[in-house]
Amino acid sequence: MKITVIEIDDAQEEEIILRCHRSSAAAAQFLGGSSATPRTVAGTKDGQIYRLTLDDIYYFETVENKSFIYCKDAVYETRLKLYEFERLCQGSDLFRCSRSMVLNSGKIDHLSPSLSGRFEVTLVGGEKVIVSRQYVDELKKLIGM
């Protein structure tokens, strides 16, 4: 990232412009200052409570009124509802990809078009996820298509 500082005289108004390819956690952290801590969410596993950063999360899913957070090597349960998690993720690489799932676009290895306008996404760990057609436009924006 390139940073340019231009000194102006007192008569001019100060202004900050941040140009980025897409809104990301790095840009949000930059705007919040270097001391800003990454957003975290609590997840439980084996009776223990863990703090998980949004960057560590591959996807969030609700199944039969229970919510789960999937990371590289573990699955955590959480009390958050899908809409609460989606609100927490605004401005990050996570986006709603189906009726019951929020996916981290930063963890996508590759993707391919599927039937009926959907996309099949393969994550870095090899797991496959289907992106519903109503969320494909958001996926395309996030990955720069």
N, C-alpha and C. Protein backbone atom coordinates (compact mmCIF):
# COMPACT_ATOMS: atom_id res chain seq x y z
N MET A 1 0.84 -1.17 0.00
CA MET A 1 0.00 0.00 0.00
C MET A 1 0.89 1.23 0.00
N LYS A 2 0.58 2.15 -0.86
CA LYS A 2 1.34 3.40 -0.99
C LYS A 2 0.66 4.47 -0.14
N ILE A 3 1.46 5.22 0.63
CA ILE A 3 0.93 6.31 1.44
C ILE A 3 1.61 7.60 1.00
N THR A 4 0.82 8.62 0.68
CA THR A 4 1.34 9.90 0.25
C THR A 4 0.84 10.98 1.22
N VAL A 5 1.75 11.82 1.72
CA VAL A 5 1.38 12.92 2.60
C VAL A 5 1.76 14.21 1.90
N ILE A 6 0.79 15.11 1.77
CA ILE A 6 1.01 16.41 1.13
C ILE A 6 0.70 17.49 2.15
N GLU A 7 1.67 18.32 2.44
CA GLU A 7 1.44 19.42 3.37
C GLU A 7 0.73 20.55 2.64
N ILE A 8 -0.28 21.12 3.30
CA ILE A 8 -1.07 22.21 2.71
C ILE A 8 -1.02 23.42 3.65
N ASP A 9 -1.42 24.57 3.13
CA ASP A 9 -1.44 25.75 4.00
C ASP A 9 -2.70 25.75 4.86
N ASP A 10 -2.74 26.61 5.84
CA ASP A 10 -3.84 26.64 6.81
C ASP A 10 -5.18 27.02 6.20
N ALA A 11 -5.19 27.66 5.05
CA ALA A 11 -6.44 28.09 4.43
C ALA A 11 -7.19 26.91 3.79
N GLN A 12 -6.48 25.83 3.46
CA GLN A 12 -7.11 24.68 2.81
C GLN A 12 -7.66 23.70 3.86
N GLU A 13 -8.69 22.98 3.47
CA GLU A 13 -9.30 22.00 4.35
C GLU A 13 -8.50 20.70 4.30
N GLU A 14 -8.28 20.08 5.47
CA GLU A 14 -7.59 18.80 5.52
C GLU A 14 -8.52 17.71 5.02
N GLU A 15 -7.94 16.69 4.38
CA GLU A 15 -8.74 15.64 3.77
C GLU A 15 -7.93 14.34 3.73
N ILE A 16 -8.60 13.22 3.98
CA ILE A 16 -7.99 11.90 3.85
C ILE A 16 -8.81 11.12 2.85
N ILE A 17 -8.14 10.55 1.85
CA ILE A 17 -8.79 9.73 0.83
C ILE A 17 -8.10 8.36 0.85
N LEU A 18 -8.88 7.30 1.00
CA LEU A 18 -8.34 5.95 0.97
C LEU A 18 -8.90 5.25 -0.26
N ARG A 19 -8.04 4.91 -1.19
CA ARG A 19 -8.45 4.21 -2.41
C ARG A 19 -8.02 2.75 -2.29
N CYS A 20 -9.01 1.85 -2.39
CA CYS A 20 -8.68 0.42 -2.30
C CYS A 20 -9.55 -0.35 -3.29
N HIS A 21 -9.07 -1.51 -3.67
CA HIS A 21 -9.79 -2.34 -4.64
C HIS A 21 -11.11 -2.84 -4.08
N ARG A 22 -11.13 -3.10 -2.79
CA ARG A 22 -12.36 -3.51 -2.12
C ARG A 22 -12.20 -3.22 -0.63
N SER A 23 -13.31 -3.07 0.03
CA SER A 23 -13.28 -2.84 1.47
C SER A 23 -12.73 -4.10 2.13
N SER A 24 -11.78 -3.94 3.02
CA SER A 24 -11.17 -5.11 3.65
C SER A 24 -10.88 -4.83 5.10
N ALA A 25 -10.54 -5.88 5.82
CA ALA A 25 -10.20 -5.73 7.24
C ALA A 25 -8.95 -4.89 7.38
N ALA A 26 -8.00 -5.00 6.44
CA ALA A 26 -6.77 -4.22 6.51
C ALA A 26 -7.06 -2.73 6.37
N ALA A 27 -7.96 -2.37 5.45
CA ALA A 27 -8.33 -0.96 5.27
C ALA A 27 -9.07 -0.45 6.50
N ALA A 28 -9.96 -1.26 7.05
CA ALA A 28 -10.68 -0.85 8.25
C ALA A 28 -9.73 -0.67 9.43
N GLN A 29 -8.75 -1.55 9.55
CA GLN A 29 -7.77 -1.44 10.62
C GLN A 29 -6.92 -0.18 10.43
N PHE A 30 -6.56 0.13 9.19
CA PHE A 30 -5.79 1.33 8.89
C PHE A 30 -6.56 2.57 9.31
N LEU A 31 -7.84 2.61 8.99
CA LEU A 31 -8.66 3.76 9.35
C LEU A 31 -8.84 3.90 10.85
N GLY A 32 -8.85 2.77 11.55
CA GLY A 32 -9.00 2.80 12.99
C GLY A 32 -7.72 3.12 13.72
N GLY A 33 -6.60 3.17 13.02
CA GLY A 33 -5.32 3.43 13.65
C GLY A 33 -4.54 2.15 13.82
N SER A 34 -3.25 2.27 13.97
CA SER A 34 -2.40 1.09 14.06
C SER A 34 -2.61 0.32 15.35
N SER A 35 -3.18 0.95 16.36
CA SER A 35 -3.40 0.25 17.62
C SER A 35 -4.74 -0.47 17.66
N ALA A 36 -5.51 -0.38 16.58
CA ALA A 36 -6.81 -1.03 16.54
C ALA A 36 -6.65 -2.54 16.58
N THR A 37 -7.47 -3.18 17.38
CA THR A 37 -7.41 -4.63 17.47
C THR A 37 -8.39 -5.22 16.48
N PRO A 38 -8.05 -6.37 15.90
CA PRO A 38 -8.97 -7.00 14.95
C PRO A 38 -10.26 -7.43 15.65
N ARG A 39 -11.34 -7.42 14.89
CA ARG A 39 -12.63 -7.83 15.45
C ARG A 39 -12.59 -9.32 15.78
N THR A 40 -13.18 -9.66 16.91
CA THR A 40 -13.18 -11.05 17.35
C THR A 40 -14.60 -11.50 17.64
N VAL A 41 -14.76 -12.81 17.68
CA VAL A 41 -16.04 -13.42 18.03
C VAL A 41 -15.72 -14.60 18.96
N ALA A 42 -16.61 -14.85 19.90
CA ALA A 42 -16.40 -15.95 20.85
C ALA A 42 -17.00 -17.23 20.30
N GLY A 43 -16.24 -18.31 20.44
CA GLY A 43 -16.71 -19.63 20.04
C GLY A 43 -16.34 -20.63 21.11
N THR A 44 -17.19 -21.65 21.30
CA THR A 44 -16.91 -22.67 22.30
C THR A 44 -16.59 -24.00 21.64
N LYS A 45 -15.65 -24.70 22.27
CA LYS A 45 -15.26 -26.03 21.80
C LYS A 45 -14.81 -26.83 23.01
N ASP A 46 -15.39 -27.99 23.23
CA ASP A 46 -15.07 -28.86 24.35
C ASP A 46 -15.19 -28.13 25.69
N GLY A 47 -16.21 -27.29 25.83
CA GLY A 47 -16.45 -26.57 27.07
C GLY A 47 -15.56 -25.36 27.30
N GLN A 48 -14.64 -25.09 26.40
CA GLN A 48 -13.74 -23.95 26.49
C GLN A 48 -14.23 -22.84 25.57
N ILE A 49 -14.02 -21.59 25.98
CA ILE A 49 -14.40 -20.44 25.16
C ILE A 49 -13.15 -19.86 24.52
N TYR A 50 -13.20 -19.65 23.20
CA TYR A 50 -12.06 -19.14 22.44
C TYR A 50 -12.44 -17.82 21.77
N ARG A 51 -11.46 -16.91 21.66
CA ARG A 51 -11.64 -15.67 20.89
C ARG A 51 -11.08 -15.93 19.50
N LEU A 52 -11.91 -15.76 18.49
CA LEU A 52 -11.52 -16.01 17.11
C LEU A 52 -11.55 -14.70 16.34
N THR A 53 -10.48 -14.40 15.60
CA THR A 53 -10.50 -13.20 14.77
C THR A 53 -11.24 -13.52 13.47
N LEU A 54 -11.79 -12.50 12.83
CA LEU A 54 -12.52 -12.72 11.59
C LEU A 54 -11.62 -13.30 10.50
N ASP A 55 -10.33 -12.96 10.52
CA ASP A 55 -9.40 -13.48 9.52
C ASP A 55 -9.19 -14.99 9.65
N ASP A 56 -9.38 -15.54 10.85
CA ASP A 56 -9.20 -16.98 11.08
C ASP A 56 -10.40 -17.80 10.62
N ILE A 57 -11.53 -17.15 10.43
CA ILE A 57 -12.78 -17.85 10.13
C ILE A 57 -12.90 -18.15 8.64
N TYR A 58 -13.17 -19.41 8.30
CA TYR A 58 -13.41 -19.80 6.91
C TYR A 58 -14.87 -19.53 6.56
N TYR A 59 -15.79 -19.99 7.41
CA TYR A 59 -17.20 -19.66 7.22
C TYR A 59 -17.99 -19.87 8.51
N PHE A 60 -19.16 -19.26 8.53
CA PHE A 60 -20.09 -19.32 9.65
C PHE A 60 -21.36 -19.94 9.11
N GLU A 61 -21.92 -20.92 9.83
CA GLU A 61 -23.10 -21.61 9.31
C GLU A 61 -24.09 -21.89 10.42
N THR A 62 -25.38 -21.81 10.08
CA THR A 62 -26.42 -22.20 11.01
C THR A 62 -27.05 -23.50 10.51
N VAL A 63 -27.20 -24.45 11.44
CA VAL A 63 -27.79 -25.74 11.12
C VAL A 63 -28.74 -26.11 12.26
N GLU A 64 -30.02 -26.31 11.95
CA GLU A 64 -31.03 -26.70 12.92
C GLU A 64 -30.99 -25.82 14.18
N ASN A 65 -31.05 -24.52 14.01
CA ASN A 65 -31.07 -23.53 15.08
C ASN A 65 -29.80 -23.49 15.93
N LYS A 66 -28.72 -24.03 15.44
CA LYS A 66 -27.42 -23.93 16.10
C LYS A 66 -26.47 -23.24 15.13
N SER A 67 -25.52 -22.48 15.68
CA SER A 67 -24.58 -21.73 14.85
C SER A 67 -23.17 -22.25 15.08
N PHE A 68 -22.42 -22.39 13.98
CA PHE A 68 -21.08 -22.93 14.03
C PHE A 68 -20.10 -22.03 13.28
N ILE A 69 -18.88 -21.96 13.78
CA ILE A 69 -17.80 -21.21 13.15
C ILE A 69 -16.76 -22.22 12.71
N TYR A 70 -16.46 -22.23 11.42
CA TYR A 70 -15.49 -23.17 10.86
C TYR A 70 -14.17 -22.46 10.60
N CYS A 71 -13.12 -22.96 11.23
CA CYS A 71 -11.77 -22.44 11.04
C CYS A 71 -10.92 -23.51 10.36
N LYS A 72 -9.63 -23.26 10.22
CA LYS A 72 -8.75 -24.18 9.51
C LYS A 72 -8.78 -25.60 10.09
N ASP A 73 -8.60 -25.71 11.40
CA ASP A 73 -8.48 -27.03 12.01
C ASP A 73 -9.57 -27.37 13.01
N ALA A 74 -10.53 -26.49 13.21
CA ALA A 74 -11.52 -26.74 14.25
C ALA A 74 -12.86 -26.11 13.91
N VAL A 75 -13.89 -26.63 14.58
CA VAL A 75 -15.25 -26.10 14.45
C VAL A 75 -15.69 -25.67 15.85
N TYR A 76 -16.21 -24.45 15.95
CA TYR A 76 -16.63 -23.89 17.23
C TYR A 76 -18.12 -23.61 17.17
N GLU A 77 -18.78 -23.73 18.30
CA GLU A 77 -20.19 -23.37 18.38
C GLU A 77 -20.29 -21.96 18.96
N THR A 78 -21.30 -21.23 18.55
CA THR A 78 -21.49 -19.86 19.05
C THR A 78 -22.97 -19.60 19.27
N ARG A 79 -23.25 -18.62 20.09
CA ARG A 79 -24.65 -18.23 20.35
C ARG A 79 -25.14 -17.18 19.37
N LEU A 80 -24.25 -16.64 18.55
CA LEU A 80 -24.65 -15.61 17.59
C LEU A 80 -25.63 -16.16 16.57
N LYS A 81 -26.55 -15.33 16.16
CA LYS A 81 -27.46 -15.65 15.06
C LYS A 81 -26.79 -15.20 13.77
N LEU A 82 -27.26 -15.72 12.65
CA LEU A 82 -26.66 -15.41 11.36
C LEU A 82 -26.67 -13.90 11.09
N TYR A 83 -27.78 -13.23 11.35
CA TYR A 83 -27.86 -11.80 11.09
C TYR A 83 -26.91 -11.01 11.99
N GLU A 84 -26.67 -11.47 13.22
CA GLU A 84 -25.74 -10.79 14.13
C GLU A 84 -24.31 -10.95 13.62
N PHE A 85 -23.98 -12.15 13.18
CA PHE A 85 -22.64 -12.40 12.66
C PHE A 85 -22.41 -11.60 11.38
N GLU A 86 -23.41 -11.56 10.53
CA GLU A 86 -23.31 -10.80 9.27
C GLU A 86 -23.08 -9.31 9.56
N ARG A 87 -23.77 -8.77 10.55
CA ARG A 87 -23.60 -7.37 10.93
C ARG A 87 -22.18 -7.12 11.47
N LEU A 88 -21.66 -8.05 12.26
CA LEU A 88 -20.31 -7.95 12.81
C LEU A 88 -19.26 -7.94 11.70
N CYS A 89 -19.54 -8.61 10.60
CA CYS A 89 -18.57 -8.78 9.51
C CYS A 89 -18.60 -7.67 8.48
N GLN A 90 -19.47 -6.70 8.61
CA GLN A 90 -19.54 -5.62 7.61
C GLN A 90 -18.19 -4.95 7.47
N GLY A 91 -17.78 -4.74 6.21
CA GLY A 91 -16.49 -4.11 5.94
C GLY A 91 -15.32 -5.08 5.95
N SER A 92 -15.60 -6.36 6.06
CA SER A 92 -14.53 -7.36 6.04
C SER A 92 -14.67 -8.22 4.78
N ASP A 93 -13.87 -9.27 4.69
CA ASP A 93 -13.92 -10.18 3.55
C ASP A 93 -15.05 -11.20 3.66
N LEU A 94 -15.76 -11.22 4.77
CA LEU A 94 -16.85 -12.17 4.95
C LEU A 94 -18.13 -11.63 4.34
N PHE A 95 -18.89 -12.50 3.67
CA PHE A 95 -20.14 -12.09 3.02
C PHE A 95 -21.15 -13.22 3.07
N ARG A 96 -22.41 -12.87 2.97
CA ARG A 96 -23.49 -13.87 2.95
C ARG A 96 -23.44 -14.59 1.62
N CYS A 97 -23.37 -15.93 1.66
CA CYS A 97 -23.29 -16.70 0.41
C CYS A 97 -24.49 -17.62 0.20
N SER A 98 -25.30 -17.79 1.24
CA SER A 98 -26.51 -18.58 1.11
C SER A 98 -27.45 -18.24 2.25
N ARG A 99 -28.56 -18.91 2.29
CA ARG A 99 -29.56 -18.63 3.31
C ARG A 99 -29.05 -18.88 4.72
N SER A 100 -28.07 -19.78 4.86
CA SER A 100 -27.63 -20.17 6.20
C SER A 100 -26.13 -20.04 6.41
N MET A 101 -25.43 -19.31 5.51
CA MET A 101 -23.97 -19.29 5.61
C MET A 101 -23.38 -17.93 5.25
N VAL A 102 -22.30 -17.56 5.98
CA VAL A 102 -21.46 -16.40 5.69
C VAL A 102 -20.07 -16.95 5.40
N LEU A 103 -19.49 -16.57 4.27
CA LEU A 103 -18.24 -17.13 3.78
C LEU A 103 -17.13 -16.08 3.76
N ASN A 104 -15.90 -16.49 4.05
CA ASN A 104 -14.74 -15.60 4.01
C ASN A 104 -14.14 -15.67 2.60
N SER A 105 -14.26 -14.59 1.83
CA SER A 105 -13.74 -14.59 0.46
C SER A 105 -12.22 -14.64 0.44
N GLY A 106 -11.57 -14.29 1.53
CA GLY A 106 -10.12 -14.37 1.62
C GLY A 106 -9.60 -15.79 1.72
N LYS A 107 -10.47 -16.75 1.98
CA LYS A 107 -10.08 -18.16 2.11
C LYS A 107 -10.42 -18.97 0.86
N ILE A 108 -10.81 -18.30 -0.23
CA ILE A 108 -11.17 -18.99 -1.47
C ILE A 108 -9.90 -19.33 -2.24
N ASP A 109 -9.77 -20.61 -2.60
CA ASP A 109 -8.66 -21.06 -3.44
C ASP A 109 -9.03 -20.87 -4.91
N HIS A 110 -10.17 -21.42 -5.31
CA HIS A 110 -10.66 -21.22 -6.68
C HIS A 110 -12.18 -21.44 -6.71
N LEU A 111 -12.79 -21.02 -7.80
CA LEU A 111 -14.23 -21.17 -7.94
C LEU A 111 -14.58 -21.48 -9.38
N SER A 112 -15.78 -22.03 -9.56
CA SER A 112 -16.25 -22.33 -10.91
C SER A 112 -17.77 -22.20 -10.95
N PRO A 113 -18.30 -21.79 -12.10
CA PRO A 113 -19.76 -21.68 -12.24
C PRO A 113 -20.40 -23.06 -12.08
N SER A 114 -21.57 -23.08 -11.49
CA SER A 114 -22.31 -24.31 -11.28
C SER A 114 -23.67 -24.17 -11.96
N LEU A 115 -24.55 -25.09 -11.69
CA LEU A 115 -25.89 -25.06 -12.29
C LEU A 115 -26.73 -23.90 -11.77
N SER A 116 -27.66 -23.43 -12.58
CA SER A 116 -28.66 -22.43 -12.21
C SER A 116 -28.08 -21.12 -11.70
N GLY A 117 -26.93 -20.69 -12.21
CA GLY A 117 -26.35 -19.41 -11.84
C GLY A 117 -25.58 -19.41 -10.54
N ARG A 118 -25.45 -20.57 -9.91
CA ARG A 118 -24.69 -20.65 -8.66
C ARG A 118 -23.21 -20.81 -8.97
N PHE A 119 -22.37 -20.65 -7.93
CA PHE A 119 -20.94 -20.87 -8.06
C PHE A 119 -20.52 -21.92 -7.05
N GLU A 120 -19.60 -22.79 -7.45
CA GLU A 120 -19.00 -23.73 -6.52
C GLU A 120 -17.63 -23.18 -6.14
N VAL A 121 -17.43 -22.95 -4.86
CA VAL A 121 -16.20 -22.37 -4.34
C VAL A 121 -15.42 -23.45 -3.62
N THR A 122 -14.12 -23.52 -3.91
CA THR A 122 -13.24 -24.42 -3.18
C THR A 122 -12.36 -23.57 -2.28
N LEU A 123 -12.42 -23.87 -0.99
CA LEU A 123 -11.65 -23.11 -0.02
C LEU A 123 -10.21 -23.61 0.04
N VAL A 124 -9.35 -22.86 0.70
CA VAL A 124 -7.93 -23.18 0.79
C VAL A 124 -7.71 -24.59 1.32
N GLY A 125 -8.51 -25.07 2.25
CA GLY A 125 -8.35 -26.41 2.81
C GLY A 125 -8.94 -27.51 1.95
N GLY A 126 -9.55 -27.16 0.80
CA GLY A 126 -10.12 -28.15 -0.09
C GLY A 126 -11.62 -28.34 0.05
N GLU A 127 -12.23 -27.74 1.05
CA GLU A 127 -13.66 -27.88 1.25
C GLU A 127 -14.42 -27.10 0.18
N LYS A 128 -15.54 -27.66 -0.27
CA LYS A 128 -16.35 -27.04 -1.32
C LYS A 128 -17.61 -26.45 -0.72
N VAL A 129 -17.96 -25.23 -1.19
CA VAL A 129 -19.15 -24.51 -0.73
C VAL A 129 -19.88 -23.98 -1.95
N ILE A 130 -21.19 -24.04 -1.92
CA ILE A 130 -22.01 -23.50 -3.01
C ILE A 130 -22.47 -22.09 -2.64
N VAL A 131 -22.28 -21.14 -3.57
CA VAL A 131 -22.76 -19.77 -3.39
C VAL A 131 -24.06 -19.65 -4.17
N SER A 132 -25.14 -19.32 -3.48
CA SER A 132 -26.46 -19.18 -4.12
C SER A 132 -26.44 -18.05 -5.14
N ARG A 133 -27.28 -18.16 -6.14
CA ARG A 133 -27.24 -17.19 -7.23
C ARG A 133 -27.54 -15.76 -6.79
N GLN A 134 -28.37 -15.56 -5.76
CA GLN A 134 -28.66 -14.18 -5.33
C GLN A 134 -27.47 -13.53 -4.63
N TYR A 135 -26.44 -14.31 -4.25
CA TYR A 135 -25.25 -13.75 -3.60
C TYR A 135 -24.02 -13.76 -4.51
N VAL A 136 -24.16 -14.21 -5.74
CA VAL A 136 -23.04 -14.28 -6.68
C VAL A 136 -22.47 -12.90 -6.99
N ASP A 137 -23.34 -11.89 -7.13
CA ASP A 137 -22.85 -10.53 -7.43
C ASP A 137 -21.93 -10.02 -6.33
N GLU A 138 -22.27 -10.28 -5.08
CA GLU A 138 -21.42 -9.86 -3.95
C GLU A 138 -20.08 -10.59 -4.00
N LEU A 139 -20.09 -11.86 -4.33
CA LEU A 139 -18.86 -12.63 -4.47
C LEU A 139 -17.98 -12.03 -5.57
N LYS A 140 -18.58 -11.73 -6.69
CA LYS A 140 -17.82 -11.15 -7.81
C LYS A 140 -17.18 -9.81 -7.43
N LYS A 141 -17.90 -8.99 -6.67
CA LYS A 141 -17.34 -7.72 -6.21
C LYS A 141 -16.15 -7.95 -5.30
N LEU A 142 -16.27 -8.88 -4.38
CA LEU A 142 -15.22 -9.13 -3.39
C LEU A 142 -13.94 -9.69 -4.01
N ILE A 143 -14.08 -10.50 -5.04
CA ILE A 143 -12.88 -11.08 -5.65
C ILE A 143 -12.42 -10.33 -6.89
N GLY A 144 -13.15 -9.27 -7.26
CA GLY A 144 -12.71 -8.42 -8.36
C GLY A 144 -13.03 -8.96 -9.74
N MET A 145 -14.15 -9.63 -9.90
CA MET A 145 -14.56 -10.14 -11.21
C MET A 145 -15.40 -9.11 -11.95
